């Protein structure tokens, strides 16, 4: 599932559903998709998200080295994990723009 966040004062943001739901919950929302925040509620949701992201570790710990000769080629091709703060940044920017202009925020599949 993909989730699109929309507001009138910022470009749409598209995220994978599991990350979007996680961020919605950090904002204090139920995580339901579709959903919306009224303009009056955006600043509080933005602040909760910023605080939650700041409380997360800045980097993702590397997995312990595994001895697995059969999967050596696959290990080299794996993408490095992305920290929550990096995934949240586009949504934080969208919420900040919506808060500054007092606009609603909507999201759907």
N, C-alpha and C. Protein backbone atom coordinates (compact mmCIF):
# COMPACT_ATOMS: atom_id res chain seq x y z
N UNK A 1 0.84 -1.17 0.00
CA UNK A 1 0.00 0.00 0.00
C UNK A 1 0.89 1.24 0.00
N UNK A 2 0.49 2.23 -0.74
CA UNK A 2 1.13 3.54 -0.76
C UNK A 2 0.16 4.56 -0.20
N UNK A 3 0.68 5.52 0.55
CA UNK A 3 -0.15 6.57 1.15
C UNK A 3 0.34 7.91 0.61
N UNK A 4 -0.62 8.74 0.18
CA UNK A 4 -0.30 10.08 -0.32
C UNK A 4 -0.81 11.11 0.68
N UNK A 5 0.09 12.00 1.12
CA UNK A 5 -0.27 13.11 2.00
C UNK A 5 -0.43 14.34 1.13
N UNK A 6 -1.52 15.11 1.40
CA UNK A 6 -1.82 16.29 0.57
C UNK A 6 -2.17 17.49 1.45
N UNK A 7 -1.78 18.64 0.98
CA UNK A 7 -2.22 19.91 1.53
C UNK A 7 -2.13 20.93 0.39
N UNK A 8 -2.82 22.04 0.54
CA UNK A 8 -2.88 23.02 -0.55
C UNK A 8 -1.58 23.80 -0.74
N UNK A 9 -0.69 23.80 0.26
CA UNK A 9 0.48 24.68 0.20
C UNK A 9 1.81 23.93 0.05
N UNK A 10 1.74 22.65 -0.30
CA UNK A 10 2.96 21.85 -0.43
C UNK A 10 2.71 20.76 -1.46
N UNK A 11 3.77 20.32 -2.08
CA UNK A 11 3.65 19.20 -3.02
C UNK A 11 3.22 17.95 -2.27
N UNK A 12 2.51 17.06 -2.96
CA UNK A 12 2.08 15.80 -2.35
C UNK A 12 3.30 14.97 -1.95
N UNK A 13 3.13 14.19 -0.89
CA UNK A 13 4.17 13.28 -0.41
C UNK A 13 3.63 11.87 -0.51
N UNK A 14 4.38 10.98 -1.13
CA UNK A 14 4.00 9.57 -1.30
C UNK A 14 4.93 8.72 -0.45
N UNK A 15 4.33 7.84 0.38
CA UNK A 15 5.12 6.97 1.27
C UNK A 15 4.57 5.56 1.24
N UNK A 16 5.46 4.61 1.57
CA UNK A 16 5.00 3.25 1.78
C UNK A 16 4.05 3.25 2.98
N UNK A 17 3.04 2.41 2.92
CA UNK A 17 1.99 2.39 3.93
C UNK A 17 2.47 2.13 5.34
N UNK A 18 3.39 1.18 5.52
CA UNK A 18 3.84 0.85 6.87
C UNK A 18 4.56 2.02 7.53
N UNK A 19 5.35 2.75 6.78
CA UNK A 19 6.05 3.92 7.31
C UNK A 19 5.05 5.04 7.57
N UNK A 20 4.12 5.25 6.65
CA UNK A 20 3.11 6.30 6.82
C UNK A 20 2.29 6.07 8.08
N UNK A 21 1.85 4.83 8.30
CA UNK A 21 1.05 4.52 9.49
C UNK A 21 1.88 4.74 10.75
N UNK A 22 3.14 4.34 10.73
CA UNK A 22 4.02 4.55 11.87
C UNK A 22 4.14 6.04 12.18
N UNK A 23 4.32 6.86 11.16
CA UNK A 23 4.45 8.30 11.37
C UNK A 23 3.13 8.91 11.83
N UNK A 24 2.02 8.44 11.30
CA UNK A 24 0.72 8.93 11.75
C UNK A 24 0.52 8.65 13.24
N UNK A 25 0.90 7.47 13.67
CA UNK A 25 0.77 7.13 15.09
C UNK A 25 1.69 8.00 15.95
N UNK A 26 2.88 8.30 15.46
CA UNK A 26 3.78 9.18 16.20
C UNK A 26 3.21 10.60 16.30
N UNK A 27 2.37 10.98 15.33
CA UNK A 27 1.72 12.29 15.36
C UNK A 27 0.55 12.32 16.33
N UNK A 28 0.20 11.16 16.90
CA UNK A 28 -0.92 11.09 17.81
C UNK A 28 -2.22 10.72 17.13
N UNK A 29 -2.15 10.29 15.90
CA UNK A 29 -3.33 9.89 15.13
C UNK A 29 -3.51 8.38 15.24
N UNK A 30 -4.68 7.90 14.90
CA UNK A 30 -4.96 6.46 14.99
C UNK A 30 -4.17 5.63 13.99
N UNK A 31 -3.74 6.25 12.90
CA UNK A 31 -3.05 5.52 11.85
C UNK A 31 -3.98 5.06 10.75
N UNK A 32 -5.24 5.44 10.84
CA UNK A 32 -6.22 5.05 9.83
C UNK A 32 -5.95 5.76 8.51
N UNK A 33 -6.12 5.02 7.43
CA UNK A 33 -5.97 5.56 6.08
C UNK A 33 -7.24 5.22 5.33
N UNK A 34 -7.97 6.17 4.78
CA UNK A 34 -7.71 7.60 4.66
C UNK A 34 -7.98 8.33 5.98
N UNK A 35 -7.51 9.59 6.02
CA UNK A 35 -7.71 10.41 7.20
C UNK A 35 -7.37 11.86 6.90
N UNK A 36 -7.51 12.68 7.95
CA UNK A 36 -7.25 14.11 7.77
C UNK A 36 -6.94 14.76 9.10
N UNK A 37 -6.25 15.87 9.03
CA UNK A 37 -6.03 16.75 10.16
C UNK A 37 -6.60 18.11 9.79
N UNK A 38 -7.42 18.66 10.65
CA UNK A 38 -7.89 20.02 10.43
C UNK A 38 -6.75 20.99 10.70
N UNK A 39 -6.81 22.15 10.07
CA UNK A 39 -5.74 23.13 10.18
C UNK A 39 -5.40 23.45 11.63
N UNK A 40 -6.40 23.51 12.51
CA UNK A 40 -6.14 23.83 13.92
C UNK A 40 -5.34 22.73 14.63
N UNK A 41 -5.40 21.50 14.13
CA UNK A 41 -4.73 20.37 14.76
C UNK A 41 -3.33 20.10 14.21
N UNK A 42 -2.97 20.73 13.10
CA UNK A 42 -1.70 20.45 12.44
C UNK A 42 -0.50 20.84 13.31
N UNK A 43 -0.46 22.02 13.95
CA UNK A 43 0.73 22.36 14.74
C UNK A 43 1.03 21.36 15.87
N UNK A 44 0.00 20.89 16.55
CA UNK A 44 0.22 19.92 17.63
C UNK A 44 0.72 18.59 17.08
N UNK A 45 0.18 18.16 15.95
CA UNK A 45 0.63 16.90 15.34
C UNK A 45 2.08 17.04 14.87
N UNK A 46 2.42 18.18 14.32
CA UNK A 46 3.79 18.44 13.88
C UNK A 46 4.75 18.38 15.07
N UNK A 47 4.38 19.00 16.16
CA UNK A 47 5.25 19.01 17.34
C UNK A 47 5.43 17.60 17.90
N UNK A 48 4.35 16.82 17.96
CA UNK A 48 4.45 15.43 18.44
C UNK A 48 5.36 14.61 17.54
N UNK A 49 5.24 14.79 16.23
CA UNK A 49 6.09 14.06 15.30
C UNK A 49 7.55 14.46 15.46
N UNK A 50 7.81 15.75 15.57
CA UNK A 50 9.19 16.21 15.76
C UNK A 50 9.80 15.63 17.04
N UNK A 51 9.04 15.65 18.12
CA UNK A 51 9.54 15.11 19.39
C UNK A 51 9.79 13.61 19.30
N UNK A 52 8.89 12.89 18.66
CA UNK A 52 9.05 11.43 18.53
C UNK A 52 10.26 11.09 17.68
N UNK A 53 10.47 11.83 16.61
CA UNK A 53 11.62 11.58 15.74
C UNK A 53 12.92 11.93 16.47
N UNK A 54 12.91 13.01 17.24
CA UNK A 54 14.10 13.40 17.99
C UNK A 54 14.46 12.35 19.04
N UNK A 55 13.47 11.63 19.55
CA UNK A 55 13.71 10.61 20.57
C UNK A 55 14.24 9.31 19.97
N UNK A 56 14.13 9.15 18.65
CA UNK A 56 14.62 7.94 17.98
C UNK A 56 16.12 8.03 17.81
N UNK A 57 16.80 6.88 17.74
CA UNK A 57 18.24 6.93 17.47
C UNK A 57 18.50 7.55 16.10
N UNK A 58 19.58 8.31 16.01
CA UNK A 58 19.91 9.00 14.76
C UNK A 58 20.34 8.03 13.67
N UNK A 59 20.92 6.93 14.05
CA UNK A 59 21.36 5.94 13.07
C UNK A 59 20.76 4.60 13.42
N UNK A 60 20.76 3.73 12.44
CA UNK A 60 20.25 2.38 12.64
C UNK A 60 21.44 1.47 12.90
N UNK A 61 21.41 0.74 14.03
CA UNK A 61 22.55 -0.13 14.31
C UNK A 61 22.71 -1.21 13.25
N UNK A 62 23.93 -1.47 12.90
CA UNK A 62 24.23 -2.51 11.93
C UNK A 62 23.94 -3.87 12.55
N UNK A 63 23.45 -4.78 11.73
CA UNK A 63 23.22 -6.14 12.22
C UNK A 63 24.56 -6.80 12.48
N UNK A 64 24.57 -7.69 13.44
CA UNK A 64 25.80 -8.41 13.75
C UNK A 64 26.25 -9.19 12.51
N UNK A 65 27.53 -9.26 12.33
CA UNK A 65 28.07 -10.01 11.19
C UNK A 65 27.65 -11.47 11.32
N UNK A 66 27.11 -11.99 10.24
CA UNK A 66 26.68 -13.39 10.22
C UNK A 66 27.62 -14.19 9.35
N UNK A 67 27.88 -15.40 9.77
CA UNK A 67 28.69 -16.29 8.97
C UNK A 67 27.74 -17.09 8.11
N UNK A 68 27.68 -16.71 6.84
CA UNK A 68 26.76 -17.36 5.91
C UNK A 68 27.36 -17.25 4.52
N UNK A 69 28.16 -18.22 4.17
CA UNK A 69 28.87 -18.18 2.89
C UNK A 69 27.94 -18.21 1.69
N UNK A 70 26.75 -18.82 1.84
CA UNK A 70 25.84 -18.93 0.71
C UNK A 70 25.22 -17.58 0.33
N UNK A 71 25.14 -16.64 1.25
CA UNK A 71 24.45 -15.38 1.00
C UNK A 71 25.40 -14.19 0.88
N UNK A 72 26.68 -14.41 0.68
CA UNK A 72 27.62 -13.31 0.60
C UNK A 72 27.28 -12.34 -0.53
N UNK A 73 26.87 -12.85 -1.68
CA UNK A 73 26.52 -11.98 -2.80
C UNK A 73 25.29 -11.15 -2.49
N UNK A 74 24.32 -11.74 -1.81
CA UNK A 74 23.09 -11.02 -1.47
C UNK A 74 23.37 -9.91 -0.46
N UNK A 75 24.27 -10.12 0.48
CA UNK A 75 24.59 -9.11 1.48
C UNK A 75 25.14 -7.85 0.83
N UNK A 76 25.94 -8.02 -0.23
CA UNK A 76 26.52 -6.87 -0.90
C UNK A 76 25.48 -6.06 -1.65
N UNK A 77 24.38 -6.67 -2.05
CA UNK A 77 23.36 -6.00 -2.84
C UNK A 77 22.27 -5.36 -1.99
N UNK A 78 22.21 -5.64 -0.70
CA UNK A 78 21.17 -5.09 0.15
C UNK A 78 21.34 -3.59 0.33
N UNK A 79 20.23 -2.89 0.34
CA UNK A 79 20.24 -1.46 0.57
C UNK A 79 20.45 -1.20 2.06
N UNK A 80 21.16 -0.16 2.42
CA UNK A 80 21.32 0.17 3.83
C UNK A 80 19.97 0.63 4.40
N UNK A 81 19.71 0.39 5.67
CA UNK A 81 18.44 0.83 6.26
C UNK A 81 18.38 2.35 6.34
N UNK A 82 17.18 2.88 6.31
CA UNK A 82 16.97 4.33 6.35
C UNK A 82 16.41 4.69 7.72
N UNK A 83 17.02 5.64 8.39
CA UNK A 83 16.58 6.06 9.72
C UNK A 83 15.20 6.72 9.64
N UNK A 84 14.45 6.59 10.71
CA UNK A 84 13.11 7.17 10.77
C UNK A 84 13.14 8.68 10.55
N UNK A 85 14.15 9.35 11.07
CA UNK A 85 14.25 10.80 10.90
C UNK A 85 14.32 11.18 9.43
N UNK A 86 15.01 10.38 8.63
CA UNK A 86 15.11 10.66 7.20
C UNK A 86 13.79 10.39 6.50
N UNK A 87 13.11 9.34 6.91
CA UNK A 87 11.81 9.02 6.30
C UNK A 87 10.75 10.06 6.67
N UNK A 88 10.86 10.63 7.87
CA UNK A 88 9.86 11.58 8.36
C UNK A 88 10.04 12.98 7.81
N UNK A 89 11.24 13.31 7.33
CA UNK A 89 11.54 14.68 6.92
C UNK A 89 10.56 15.26 5.89
N UNK A 90 10.20 14.55 4.82
CA UNK A 90 9.24 15.15 3.88
C UNK A 90 7.87 15.43 4.53
N UNK A 91 7.42 14.55 5.41
CA UNK A 91 6.15 14.78 6.08
C UNK A 91 6.25 15.95 7.06
N UNK A 92 7.37 16.07 7.75
CA UNK A 92 7.56 17.20 8.66
C UNK A 92 7.52 18.51 7.87
N UNK A 93 8.16 18.53 6.71
CA UNK A 93 8.13 19.74 5.88
C UNK A 93 6.72 20.06 5.41
N UNK A 94 5.96 19.04 5.00
CA UNK A 94 4.57 19.25 4.57
C UNK A 94 3.74 19.79 5.72
N UNK A 95 3.88 19.21 6.91
CA UNK A 95 3.11 19.67 8.08
C UNK A 95 3.51 21.08 8.47
N UNK A 96 4.79 21.41 8.38
CA UNK A 96 5.24 22.76 8.72
C UNK A 96 4.65 23.78 7.75
N UNK A 97 4.62 23.44 6.47
CA UNK A 97 4.02 24.35 5.48
C UNK A 97 2.53 24.52 5.74
N UNK A 98 1.86 23.42 6.05
CA UNK A 98 0.41 23.49 6.33
C UNK A 98 0.14 24.30 7.60
N UNK A 99 0.97 24.14 8.61
CA UNK A 99 0.79 24.90 9.86
C UNK A 99 1.02 26.38 9.62
N UNK A 100 2.03 26.72 8.84
CA UNK A 100 2.35 28.13 8.57
C UNK A 100 1.22 28.83 7.82
N UNK A 101 0.54 28.10 6.95
CA UNK A 101 -0.53 28.70 6.13
C UNK A 101 -1.93 28.34 6.64
N UNK A 102 -1.99 27.65 7.78
CA UNK A 102 -3.26 27.24 8.40
C UNK A 102 -4.14 26.45 7.42
N UNK A 103 -3.56 25.35 6.89
CA UNK A 103 -4.25 24.49 5.93
C UNK A 103 -4.47 23.10 6.51
N UNK A 104 -5.51 22.44 6.03
CA UNK A 104 -5.78 21.05 6.41
C UNK A 104 -4.77 20.14 5.72
N UNK A 105 -4.60 18.93 6.29
CA UNK A 105 -3.75 17.90 5.70
C UNK A 105 -4.60 16.66 5.53
N UNK A 106 -4.57 16.08 4.35
CA UNK A 106 -5.32 14.86 4.03
C UNK A 106 -4.37 13.77 3.63
N UNK A 107 -4.76 12.52 3.85
CA UNK A 107 -3.98 11.39 3.34
C UNK A 107 -4.93 10.27 2.94
N UNK A 108 -4.52 9.56 1.89
CA UNK A 108 -5.31 8.43 1.40
C UNK A 108 -4.41 7.46 0.64
N UNK A 109 -5.01 6.37 0.21
CA UNK A 109 -4.26 5.35 -0.54
C UNK A 109 -4.13 5.76 -1.98
